[in-house]
Amino acid sequence: MMLFRLLAILFALFISVLHSLPWSIDISESQGPGTTLQSFSFNCSSYMPTLELLSVRPPTSFFNNPSLHRHKGVYVGKVTLSSSARLDALAVNRYELQLQYKCGNFVVAGPLFVHVQRDPGRFRCAGPFASPAGEFIYVPETVTPGALLYTLLLPGLGAQRAQMNITSAQDPPLFPGPFSIDEQGLLRAPSQGLRGQAFKTFQLQILVSLGKGQSCKGMLTVKVLPAPSSQVSFPQKAQSITIPEDLVPGSKVIQVQARGFNLLYEIISPLPSQLYSIGQADGVVRTTAPLDLAGAQGAAVTKLQVRAFEKLRPWASAEFDLTVNVRAVNQWPPRCHPALLVTQVPETTPVGTVLSKITCVDPDSAGGPLDFQLQFHNPPDSASLHLRDRVLEVNTTLDCDTLGACFQHAASILVLDDGQPQMTTEVPVLVMVTPVNEFSPACVPRTFRVREDAGPHTLLGSMVGTDMDYPHNSLEYYISGGPSTFAVDRLSGELRLLGPLDYEQQRWYKIIILLIDHSQDCDLNHHRSGSCTVTIEVEVSSTMTPLIVTEVEAFWKPEPWFVVVLTATGVVLLLALGWLLSRVLRGFAQLLQAPSKPARALLLNSIPGNEGPVEKLMEAPRMEMSQHFDGRAHDVPNFHRTPIGGQMTRTRSCPISQQEGDAVAGRAP
């Protein structure tokens, strides 16, 4: 149990250490000695912990050994900058500190990375110029009066203008004349030149001042060398070459060669050279950056001043002027925004409406001329769109109310540059024209005639509506109010009869047919409606007076089980009758074969007879008939029923004359 508890404590301690140790921090180069880089805590309850700085890469004395003290039961460690700390992001921008934490037998080690960030508002003198001995430069005594001797570059100065002054004395006869330095750090020779000053040394104390009280100083020592004993020269003083702009960095431009012994080469103007470099030993000029005429400012023409000098006697030198012209190469097609043009407009869009504006640039030549062409794909000969000065406009009326007139206009805009070879860019264009429900449906008033004895679902006629919007047959028909005697089919417009008509009660009807269109607008809930009046005239039926017999019937619906029993009983009865008939036929056959009187008598006695007279057996039940006549004529079929043997027989009555009708009515009980 104690072992598990110890393991749990060590695991918690290890997790705490890992989470408390900062692995990477950022610090500004302006931070000075004593600055706390980071604080972190550790748990160690049974031992006296230690925190050590094992190593620093690159080696430096800028960091103190970490401190460790206890606060409220937790040990807090700190890493701080030492008194000698002078952080410089341009010199070193990343330090790796190897830390080790020990609690009893438990040891954790890990790196702490310190990233030094540039401070835009801070500068200082650095390099050999700021060292106690200063920086040494060598110039020949034959240097041109006022020539550029040295350029002072300070880290962190950037584009800021600093005031630079030579504070040391430059009085004759020690100095032939004063050296000068401007705000860009360009040190120039005295206007009197340095002729006759060979082997002399001139020390210059330079003060650099920037606003907000920031300043630094350094030392420059100028040593004058005697005139060269050997002659270093170029075959020609100047040369101009032309190269394409698609050369990659590191490409060879030209090789310059001077006459002399053990020569070295350097570019002395411009300093620094952003686009070109020269091999110190072989004199090969190479590109150092992409020669993009659109992106690299001043890359079209570059004037280089190359100096060749003896390695052991730098004052023995010669200069060469090289002009590099960069020829444009059409590498990239025009770039356009938007790269895809998709828009949706209603068919009522006025002519001249701007649909979109396209913006294109030529990466090879910023501001170069571009040519725009509009090509149609579907329909191929459409004139609905027009491209004018990079603006896509509606050229003709976009009408969707005729068959095939509402299109999805597919086109493309070709953008061509003027380079060689010519490059093009295609911008796809899709303009979708949506229908608009502009017109209300209409129909022509109609009059229909129908006989009063017409049956249900009789077709009275059809309504035909018209709509100028496409599709033209997208209509629905409804009856607005009116009687329920009539109905109209919602889709076909057919008007039908539903209920009975009575000429004596109402001879004509007026109903309003409502027409509603659909599927004629991109908004499916947008409908238009129209209406028209339909007149229905009721006509009297035929003048023949029919015999009207009204009957009252009583129907009995048996139960299912009774039907089954009755059916089974009927089958049994039929079988018995068949058996009895076969016996009778067999008796007749025997009688015919032996016709004797006793047998005949026996046969007659064997047949079960019906008692009673024949008239009683043949008596037909009296026919019962009820009559009712209301004086109206009906062309509907008339029936009467006659009960026969407990069953009702139904007989159709045809129209008869008035006298026959009266005679029949007089015989009715």
Foldseek 3Di string as FASTA:
>chain_A
DVVVVVVVVLVVQVVQVVVFDAAEFEDELPDAFPDWGDKGKGAAQPFDKDKFFDAKPPHDQQKDTWDWDDDPRIIMIIITTHNPDRGDCVVPFKMKTWMWMDHPPDIDIDIHMYGYDYDLVDWEDDDQFQDPVHEEFEAEQPDAAFDFGDADDTPSCPPPFKAKDFPDDQDPPLHPADWDAGRRRTITHHNVTRHPVAQHKDKTKMKIGDPPGDIYIGIYIYHYHYADPDAKAFPDQEDEDEDAQADAFFDWDDAGDIDDPQKFKFWPPPPPDQFWTAHGRGRTITGHHRLQPLPDPPSQKDKTKMKMAHPVGRNNIDIHIYIYGYDFDQDDAKDKPPLEAEEEEELADDFFDWRDAMDIARSRDGPADKDKDKAWDVVRPDPQWDADPRTITGHDGQAQLDPPSFDFTWIWMWIWGDHVVIHIGIHIHTYGYWFDQDWAKDWEEEEWEDEQQDDFFAWGAFTDIFGSFPPTQQKFKAWDDFDPQWGAHGRGRTITGHDGGDCVVDFKGKIKIKMKGAPRGPPRPDIHIDIYIYMYGYDYDDPFFFAAADDDDDDDDDDVVVVVVVVVVVVVVVVVVVVVVVVLVVLVVVCVVPVDPVSVVVSVVPDDDDDDDPCVVPDWDDFAGDGDDDPDGDPDWHWTWGDTPNDTDIDTGGGDDPVVSVVVVVPHD
